[in-house]
Amino acid sequence: MHISCLGIGGIGMSYVVRYLLAEGHKVSGVDMAENEPVRRLREAGVPIHIGHDQPLPDDVDLVLVSPAVLIARPPDLVEAQSKGIPVQTWQEFLGSITERHTTLAVCGVHGKSTTTAMAGVAMMELGLDPTVMVGSFVPAFGGSNLRLGKSPWLVIEADEYHENFLSYQPAHILCTSYEPDHLDYFQTEERYAKAYIDFFAKLPSEGRIFYHAGDAKIQALIEVAGKVGVPVPDEPLTLAIPGQHNRANARLVRAFLTYIGEPQENIATALLAFTGTWRRQEKLGSLPDGTLIYDDYAHTPTEIDATVSSMREAYPEAELVAVFQPHQYSRTRLFFDGFVEAAKGADRLYVMDIYESRDTQEDKRAVSSAMLVEAMQKKGRPAVYAGSLEQTEALLRGLPTSSGPRVLIFMGAGTITSVAHKML
């Protein structure tokens, strides 16, 4: 079967593409821009065109799209629909895969990718041989975002945006956290909560939802869904990576593995095998003066605080320089006060221009990075407006040589990663 993938550069679409290749299908794709997933898929032999200006190949049997492509309706999607070629979102296609497996789904507004990868690595170390699909590249999976196993177990990231996770059929769920997000789509907190309730309700009667003990919001959602939750207490745990949030989510993984019958001592050893993923506190290298460069996907106040806290834990004596690119005008506007207070553990904070994505003109008029920095400075915070990608790079190259250890951590879900790599 020839499957054409529109929006192939999305990290989620890319692991579905790898799965299709492993199944023996012919795959081609289109995206609007070059990026790391596109580069890696090309290396795997997938022909990819940049821009939706070419007709579909004549022999296409199925078209997979991202939700963004479905909304935008570019010419190649219109062509597929006019020709009667079946069209699915990649999440709907993944849903059919989850129905054929015993699926552990990881949901929550923070930590999904790391927790999914951590669960997959631990299960691999325990000999459970899972298939794992994760929104990041994982060293333990050969640098891929897909691990193919031969057992019934499937571990996936279950994203709530566009209610995507409602396409999946989970056997068990790990819920890392809950706080309203993606309100550009959901509009209200009530609709956001209902999406989680509906997802929880998809569990079979024997399924369990593992969550952090004391999280009253998740507990309430589980009760409304009429399912069984397993509150996981805050007990000691050791990992190879820093961060209280990582240890907390590892406790969810440990609780699940204990529930399915794995011995505690084996679980502890398996969790130690996890060493992190792409763009999650990822160490890229160092500058001639010894400054360490890290890259991270954090793009909400809670995630920024967790990342900065982890860096401070790992490097307690270092000067910590945080560089943040806000993602979406709408998110920056909605959580403005939270962003003003974020990253307080940093010694210096540089705020780049906001990365635009699905934003309205009203959102763009209402907020800016300069406004965010001004609000931070009024509170006495060491914040600097950094501007564009090029201006940010120039500012950072102008930093005085460090007399002691220094860590530069780049955070954001947009194009900030390019600056991090250019610094080296």
Protein backbone atom coordinates (compact mmCIF):
# COMPACT_ATOMS: atom_id res chain seq x y z
CA MET A 1 0.00 0.00 0.00
CA HIS A 2 1.25 3.51 -0.84
CA ILE A 3 0.50 5.97 1.96
CA SER A 4 1.05 9.69 1.50
CA CYS A 5 1.57 11.65 4.72
CA LEU A 6 0.70 15.36 4.74
CA GLY A 7 2.41 17.08 7.66
CA ILE A 8 5.04 14.35 7.78
CA GLY A 9 7.46 16.51 9.79
CA GLY A 10 5.39 16.36 12.94
CA ILE A 11 7.11 14.27 15.59
CA GLY A 12 3.99 12.11 16.06
CA MET A 13 3.40 11.56 12.38
CA SER A 14 7.05 10.59 11.99
CA TYR A 15 6.84 7.61 14.36
CA VAL A 16 3.71 6.39 12.56
CA VAL A 17 5.69 6.65 9.30
CA ARG A 18 8.45 4.51 10.78
CA TYR A 19 5.86 1.96 11.84
CA LEU A 20 4.42 1.90 8.30
CA LEU A 21 7.87 1.37 6.81
CA ALA A 22 8.47 -1.53 9.17
CA GLU A 23 5.15 -3.01 8.06
CA GLY A 24 6.39 -2.95 4.46
CA HIS A 25 4.32 -0.06 3.13
CA LYS A 26 5.48 2.48 0.58
CA VAL A 27 5.48 5.94 2.18
CA SER A 28 5.93 9.44 0.79
CA GLY A 29 5.24 12.77 2.41
CA VAL A 30 4.85 16.52 2.37
CA ASP A 31 5.60 19.21 4.92
CA MET A 32 5.83 22.99 4.94
CA ALA A 33 9.40 23.19 6.23
CA GLU A 34 12.59 21.28 6.79
CA ASN A 35 13.08 20.05 10.35
CA GLU A 36 14.77 17.28 12.31
CA PRO A 37 12.04 14.62 11.79
CA VAL A 38 12.02 15.38 8.05
CA ARG A 39 15.81 15.04 7.89
CA ARG A 40 15.75 11.72 9.73
CA LEU A 41 12.93 10.29 7.62
CA ARG A 42 14.79 11.24 4.46
CA GLU A 43 17.78 9.34 5.82
CA ALA A 44 15.43 6.36 6.20
CA GLY A 45 14.60 6.60 2.48
CA VAL A 46 11.26 8.43 2.58
CA PRO A 47 10.77 10.89 -0.32
CA ILE A 48 9.53 14.20 1.13
CA HIS A 49 8.47 17.33 -0.74
CA ILE A 50 8.48 20.74 0.92
CA GLY A 51 5.26 22.62 0.15
CA HIS A 52 1.75 21.50 -0.75
CA ASP A 53 2.10 22.64 -4.37
CA GLN A 54 2.56 19.24 -6.04
CA PRO A 55 -0.15 16.75 -7.03
CA LEU A 56 -0.35 13.48 -5.16
CA PRO A 57 1.46 10.46 -6.64
CA ASP A 58 -0.84 8.48 -8.94
CA ASP A 59 -0.67 5.26 -6.93
CA VAL A 60 -1.62 6.63 -3.47
CA ASP A 61 -4.02 4.32 -1.57
CA LEU A 62 -4.34 6.25 1.70
CA VAL A 63 -3.60 9.79 2.87
CA LEU A 64 -2.64 10.44 6.49
CA VAL A 65 -2.79 14.02 7.73
CA SER A 66 -2.09 16.02 10.86
CA PRO A 67 -5.05 17.87 12.40
CA ALA A 68 -3.46 21.15 11.29
CA VAL A 69 -3.44 19.99 7.66
CA LEU A 70 -7.05 18.82 7.97
CA ILE A 71 -8.03 22.33 9.08
CA ALA A 72 -5.91 24.17 6.49
CA ARG A 73 -7.10 21.98 3.56
CA PRO A 74 -4.12 22.50 1.23
CA PRO A 75 -4.45 21.57 -2.48
CA ASP A 76 -3.07 18.04 -2.09
CA LEU A 77 -5.63 17.23 0.60
CA VAL A 78 -8.44 18.69 -1.54
CA GLU A 79 -7.19 16.53 -4.42
CA ALA A 80 -7.31 13.38 -2.28
CA GLN A 81 -10.83 14.14 -1.12
CA SER A 82 -12.04 14.91 -4.65
CA LYS A 83 -10.62 11.61 -5.93
CA GLY A 84 -12.22 9.63 -3.11
CA ILE A 85 -8.88 8.54 -1.67
CA PRO A 86 -9.38 7.59 2.00
CA VAL A 87 -8.11 10.28 4.40
CA GLN A 88 -7.36 9.78 8.09
CA THR A 89 -5.53 11.74 10.74
CA TRP A 90 -2.42 9.93 11.89
CA GLN A 91 -4.03 9.75 15.34
CA GLU A 92 -7.00 7.84 13.91
CA PHE A 93 -4.60 5.45 12.22
CA LEU A 94 -2.67 5.02 15.47
CA GLY A 95 -6.01 4.32 17.14
CA SER A 96 -6.43 1.22 14.99
CA ILE A 97 -2.98 0.07 16.11
CA THR A 98 -3.85 0.53 19.79
CA GLU A 99 -6.88 -1.73 19.34
CA ARG A 100 -4.58 -4.57 18.28
CA HIS A 101 -2.29 -4.20 21.30
CA THR A 102 -2.36 -3.97 25.07
CA THR A 103 -1.80 -0.25 25.18
CA LEU A 104 -0.25 1.79 27.99
CA ALA A 105 -1.15 5.41 27.25
CA VAL A 106 0.69 8.31 28.89
CA CYS A 107 -1.34 11.51 29.14
CA GLY A 108 -1.04 14.79 31.03
CA VAL A 109 -0.10 18.36 30.24
CA HIS A 110 3.56 17.91 31.29
CA GLY A 111 6.11 15.15 30.92
CA LYS A 112 4.39 12.88 28.42
CA SER A 113 7.36 12.25 26.14
CA THR A 114 9.88 11.62 28.89
CA THR A 115 7.49 9.37 30.82
CA THR A 116 6.54 7.41 27.69
CA ALA A 117 10.20 6.87 26.84
CA MET A 118 11.02 5.99 30.45
CA ALA A 119 8.23 3.40 30.59
CA GLY A 120 9.31 1.96 27.25
CA VAL A 121 12.97 1.68 28.25
CA ALA A 122 12.10 0.10 31.61
CA MET A 123 9.78 -2.44 29.97
CA MET A 124 12.47 -3.22 27.42
CA GLU A 125 15.02 -3.77 30.21
CA LEU A 126 12.55 -6.06 32.00
CA GLY A 127 12.18 -8.25 28.91
CA LEU A 128 8.60 -7.22 28.16
CA ASP A 129 9.61 -6.31 24.58
CA PRO A 130 7.11 -3.46 24.00
CA THR A 131 6.49 -1.43 20.89
CA VAL A 132 7.00 2.22 21.89
CA MET A 133 5.93 5.38 20.06
CA VAL A 134 7.17 8.59 21.62
CA GLY A 135 7.29 12.28 20.72
CA SER A 136 11.07 12.49 21.03
CA PHE A 137 14.15 10.63 19.85
CA VAL A 138 15.44 8.14 22.38
CA PRO A 139 19.08 6.97 22.59
CA ALA A 140 17.99 3.60 23.98
CA PHE A 141 15.91 3.09 20.80
CA GLY A 142 18.89 3.73 18.55
CA GLY A 143 18.06 7.43 18.37
CA SER A 144 14.59 6.71 16.98
CA ASN A 145 11.13 7.72 18.21
CA LEU A 146 9.87 4.20 17.51
CA ARG A 147 10.84 0.91 19.09
CA LEU A 148 9.30 -2.18 17.54
CA GLY A 149 8.65 -5.07 19.89
CA LYS A 150 7.10 -8.47 19.41
CA SER A 151 4.94 -8.64 22.52
CA PRO A 152 1.33 -7.36 22.78
CA TRP A 153 2.52 -4.31 24.77
CA LEU A 154 2.33 -0.89 23.11
CA VAL A 155 3.42 2.29 24.94
CA ILE A 156 2.24 5.58 23.46
CA GLU A 157 2.03 9.27 24.20
CA ALA A 158 -1.61 10.37 24.41
CA ASP A 159 -1.93 14.06 23.55
CA GLU A 160 -5.13 15.88 24.45
CA TYR A 161 -4.84 18.63 21.80
CA HIS A 162 -7.74 18.45 19.31
CA GLU A 163 -8.98 15.62 21.57
CA ASN A 164 -6.51 13.41 19.72
CA PHE A 165 -6.31 10.86 22.52
CA LEU A 166 -9.97 9.97 22.03
CA SER A 167 -8.86 8.01 18.94
CA TYR A 168 -6.90 5.58 21.15
CA GLN A 169 -7.96 2.48 23.04
CA PRO A 170 -5.90 2.29 26.25
CA ALA A 171 -5.61 -0.76 28.47
CA HIS A 172 -4.00 1.33 31.25
CA ILE A 173 -3.19 5.04 31.64
CA LEU A 174 -0.42 6.99 33.33
CA CYS A 175 -1.61 10.57 33.96
CA THR A 176 1.36 12.77 34.81
CA SER A 177 -0.41 16.07 35.49
CA TYR A 178 -3.50 18.12 34.83
CA GLU A 179 -3.89 21.83 34.24
CA PRO A 180 -5.81 23.58 31.44
CA ASP A 181 -3.82 24.08 28.23
CA HIS A 182 -4.51 24.47 24.50
CA LEU A 183 -7.38 26.83 25.27
CA ASP A 184 -7.02 28.21 21.74
CA TYR A 185 -8.78 24.96 20.78
CA PHE A 186 -10.79 23.99 23.86
CA GLN A 187 -11.95 27.56 24.63
CA THR A 188 -13.14 26.66 28.15
CA GLU A 189 -11.69 24.72 31.08
CA GLU A 190 -14.92 22.70 31.21
CA ARG A 191 -14.43 21.40 27.67
CA TYR A 192 -10.79 20.65 28.45
CA ALA A 193 -11.82 18.62 31.51
CA LYS A 194 -14.47 16.77 29.53
CA ALA A 195 -11.83 15.58 27.06
CA TYR A 196 -9.92 13.90 29.91
CA ILE A 197 -13.12 12.42 31.34
CA ASP A 198 -14.02 10.98 27.94
CA PHE A 199 -10.51 9.55 27.53
CA PHE A 200 -10.55 7.94 30.97
CA ALA A 201 -13.98 6.50 30.18
CA LYS A 202 -12.48 4.52 27.28
CA LEU A 203 -10.63 2.24 29.72
CA PRO A 204 -11.95 -1.32 30.04
CA SER A 205 -13.26 -2.31 33.47
CA GLU A 206 -9.96 -3.97 34.39
CA GLY A 207 -7.94 -0.93 33.32
CA ARG A 208 -6.25 1.35 35.85
CA ILE A 209 -5.27 5.05 35.87
CA PHE A 210 -2.03 5.77 37.74
CA TYR A 211 -1.69 9.32 39.07
CA HIS A 212 0.15 11.24 41.78
CA ALA A 213 -1.44 10.84 45.22
CA GLY A 214 -2.91 14.11 46.36
CA ASP A 215 -3.78 15.35 42.86
CA ALA A 216 -7.41 16.13 43.60
CA LYS A 217 -8.17 17.33 40.07
CA ILE A 218 -7.17 14.06 38.41
CA GLN A 219 -8.90 12.06 41.13
CA ALA A 220 -12.12 13.99 40.50
CA LEU A 221 -11.93 13.40 36.75
CA ILE A 222 -11.40 9.67 37.32
CA GLU A 223 -14.43 9.54 39.60
CA VAL A 224 -16.63 11.33 37.05
CA ALA A 225 -15.45 8.86 34.38
CA GLY A 226 -16.41 5.98 36.68
CA LYS A 227 -13.00 4.31 36.48
CA VAL A 228 -10.46 2.99 38.99
CA GLY A 229 -7.53 5.20 39.85
CA VAL A 230 -4.31 4.17 41.57
CA PRO A 231 -2.88 7.08 43.62
CA VAL A 232 0.92 6.79 43.67
CA PRO A 233 2.63 8.08 46.84
CA ASP A 234 5.77 10.21 46.96
CA GLU A 235 8.36 7.57 47.88
CA PRO A 236 12.14 7.53 47.32
CA LEU A 237 13.40 6.63 43.87
CA THR A 238 16.74 6.96 42.05
CA LEU A 239 17.22 7.86 38.38
CA ALA A 240 20.18 8.52 36.12
CA ILE A 241 18.73 11.93 35.17
CA PRO A 242 18.05 14.92 37.47
CA GLY A 243 14.74 16.55 38.31
CA GLN A 244 12.03 16.08 40.91
CA HIS A 245 9.41 15.99 38.13
CA ASN A 246 11.26 13.13 36.44
CA ARG A 247 11.43 11.18 39.70
CA ALA A 248 7.74 11.84 40.30
CA ASN A 249 6.77 10.48 36.89
CA ALA A 250 9.13 7.54 37.32
CA ARG A 251 7.08 6.63 40.39
CA LEU A 252 4.05 6.29 38.10
CA VAL A 253 6.02 3.94 35.87
CA ARG A 254 7.20 1.96 38.89
CA ALA A 255 3.64 1.67 40.23
CA PHE A 256 2.36 0.39 36.88
CA LEU A 257 5.16 -2.16 36.54
CA THR A 258 4.52 -3.33 40.09
CA TYR A 259 0.82 -3.67 39.28
CA ILE A 260 1.55 -5.99 36.34
CA GLY A 261 3.76 -8.18 38.53
CA GLU A 262 7.36 -7.07 38.02
CA PRO A 263 9.67 -7.39 41.06
CA GLN A 264 10.68 -4.13 42.79
CA GLU A 265 14.41 -4.76 42.58
CA ASN A 266 14.20 -5.43 38.85
CA ILE A 267 12.13 -2.28 38.30
CA ALA A 268 14.70 -0.15 40.13
CA THR A 269 17.49 -1.43 37.90
CA ALA A 270 15.39 -0.99 34.75
CA LEU A 271 14.57 2.64 35.56
CA LEU A 272 18.26 3.43 36.00
CA ALA A 273 18.79 2.46 32.35
CA PHE A 274 16.84 5.52 31.19
CA THR A 275 19.20 8.36 30.26
CA GLY A 276 16.85 10.90 28.67
CA THR A 277 15.55 11.91 25.24
CA TRP A 278 15.95 14.50 22.48
CA ARG A 279 15.16 18.08 23.53
CA ARG A 280 14.38 17.07 27.12
CA GLN A 281 17.24 18.52 29.15
CA GLU A 282 19.45 17.34 26.30
CA LYS A 283 23.12 18.19 26.63
CA LEU A 284 24.33 19.39 23.23
CA GLY A 285 27.95 20.15 24.07
CA SER A 286 30.17 22.87 25.50
CA LEU A 287 31.81 26.15 24.45
CA PRO A 288 35.58 26.76 24.58
CA ASP A 289 35.22 28.46 28.00
CA GLY A 290 33.49 25.35 29.37
CA THR A 291 29.92 26.71 29.21
CA LEU A 292 27.52 23.78 28.86
CA ILE A 293 24.70 24.00 26.29
CA TYR A 294 21.37 22.29 27.00
CA ASP A 295 18.21 22.17 24.87
CA ASP A 296 14.71 21.60 26.25
CA TYR A 297 11.11 21.57 25.02
CA ALA A 298 9.65 23.35 28.09
CA HIS A 299 7.06 25.91 26.98
CA THR A 300 4.63 26.38 29.89
CA PRO A 301 5.38 28.03 33.25
CA THR A 302 5.26 24.70 35.08
CA GLU A 303 7.59 23.03 32.59
CA ILE A 304 10.04 25.94 32.64
CA ASP A 305 10.20 25.84 36.44
CA ALA A 306 10.75 22.06 36.39
CA THR A 307 13.56 22.32 33.83
CA VAL A 308 15.34 25.17 35.62
CA SER A 309 15.00 23.31 38.93
CA SER A 310 16.54 20.19 37.35
CA MET A 311 19.46 22.18 35.97
CA ARG A 312 20.02 23.80 39.35
CA GLU A 313 19.95 20.37 41.00
CA ALA A 314 22.51 19.04 38.51
CA TYR A 315 24.75 22.14 38.64
CA PRO A 316 24.25 23.81 42.05
CA GLU A 317 27.36 26.02 41.79
CA ALA A 318 27.02 27.09 38.15
CA GLU A 319 25.77 30.38 36.74
CA LEU A 320 22.48 29.33 35.15
CA VAL A 321 21.51 31.31 32.03
CA ALA A 322 17.99 30.54 30.78
CA VAL A 323 16.87 31.43 27.25
CA PHE A 324 13.16 31.11 26.58
CA GLN A 325 11.09 31.42 23.40
CA PRO A 326 7.37 31.75 24.28
CA HIS A 327 5.23 29.44 22.14
CA GLN A 328 1.99 30.99 20.86
CA TYR A 329 0.65 34.46 21.55
CA SER A 330 -2.56 32.87 22.84
CA ARG A 331 -0.75 30.76 25.44
CA THR A 332 1.46 33.68 26.49
CA ARG A 333 -1.62 35.85 26.89
CA LEU A 334 -3.61 33.29 28.87
CA PHE A 335 -0.75 32.37 31.22
CA PHE A 336 1.00 35.74 31.30
CA ASP A 337 1.20 35.95 35.11
CA GLY A 338 2.64 32.43 35.28
CA PHE A 339 5.34 33.26 32.74
CA VAL A 340 6.25 36.41 34.69
CA GLU A 341 7.05 34.21 37.71
CA ALA A 342 8.67 31.34 35.77
CA ALA A 343 12.36 30.35 35.79
CA LYS A 344 13.13 32.05 39.11
CA GLY A 345 16.05 29.71 39.71
CA ALA A 346 17.96 31.20 36.76
CA ASP A 347 20.72 33.79 37.32
CA ARG A 348 19.99 35.41 33.96
CA LEU A 349 16.89 35.12 31.76
CA TYR A 350 16.66 36.03 28.08
CA VAL A 351 13.19 36.12 26.51
CA MET A 352 12.97 35.81 22.72
CA ASP A 353 10.18 36.94 20.43
CA ILE A 354 7.03 34.81 20.65
CA TYR A 355 6.82 31.91 18.21
CA GLU A 356 3.57 32.31 16.30
CA SER A 357 1.36 29.24 15.89
CA ARG A 358 -2.41 29.20 15.32
CA ASP A 359 -2.70 32.72 16.76
CA THR A 360 -5.37 35.33 16.03
CA GLN A 361 -4.72 39.00 15.32
CA GLU A 362 -6.37 39.77 18.65
CA ASP A 363 -3.86 37.54 20.45
CA LYS A 364 -0.94 39.17 18.64
CA ARG A 365 -2.11 42.67 19.55
CA ALA A 366 -2.65 41.77 23.20
CA VAL A 367 0.79 40.50 24.21
CA SER A 368 4.48 40.55 23.33
CA SER A 369 7.77 39.33 24.74
CA ALA A 370 8.75 42.94 25.45
CA MET A 371 5.64 43.24 27.66
CA LEU A 372 6.57 40.01 29.42
CA VAL A 373 10.11 41.21 30.12
CA GLU A 374 8.84 44.59 31.36
CA ALA A 375 6.55 42.82 33.85
CA MET A 376 9.45 40.65 35.00
CA GLN A 377 11.75 43.62 35.46
CA LYS A 378 9.14 45.41 37.56
CA LYS A 379 9.41 42.49 39.97
CA GLY A 380 13.19 42.87 40.08
CA ARG A 381 13.89 39.85 37.91
CA PRO A 382 17.11 39.64 35.80
CA ALA A 383 15.19 39.43 32.50
CA VAL A 384 16.38 40.73 29.13
CA TYR A 385 14.40 41.05 25.91
CA ALA A 386 16.39 39.02 23.36
CA GLY A 387 14.41 39.61 20.14
CA SER A 388 14.76 37.44 17.06
CA LEU A 389 16.75 34.25 16.56
CA GLU A 390 19.66 36.22 15.13
CA GLN A 391 19.55 38.90 17.83
CA THR A 392 19.45 36.25 20.55
CA GLU A 393 22.48 34.47 19.18
CA ALA A 394 24.39 37.78 19.00
CA LEU A 395 23.46 38.66 22.59
CA LEU A 396 24.60 35.30 23.91
CA ARG A 397 27.87 35.41 22.00
CA GLY A 398 28.47 38.74 23.68
CA LEU A 399 28.30 37.27 27.17
CA PRO A 400 31.55 37.83 29.09
CA THR A 401 33.76 34.78 29.53
CA SER A 402 32.65 32.91 32.60
CA SER A 403 35.04 32.86 35.55
CA GLY A 404 33.33 29.76 36.88
CA PRO A 405 30.98 27.03 35.66
CA ARG A 406 28.10 28.21 33.49
CA VAL A 407 25.09 26.42 32.01
CA LEU A 408 23.09 27.80 29.10
CA ILE A 409 19.62 26.20 28.87
CA PHE A 410 17.43 26.90 25.82
CA MET A 411 13.69 26.30 26.34
CA GLY A 412 10.73 26.37 23.97
CA ALA A 413 8.60 24.41 21.51
CA GLY A 414 9.36 26.58 18.47
CA THR A 415 12.56 27.42 16.60
CA ILE A 416 14.78 28.15 19.61
CA THR A 417 16.58 24.84 19.21
CA SER A 418 18.30 26.26 16.11
CA VAL A 419 19.99 28.93 18.26
CA ALA A 420 21.16 26.30 20.74
CA HIS A 421 22.82 24.32 17.95
CA LYS A 422 24.34 27.41 16.32
CA MET A 423 26.08 28.32 19.57
CA LEU A 424 28.32 25.25 19.24
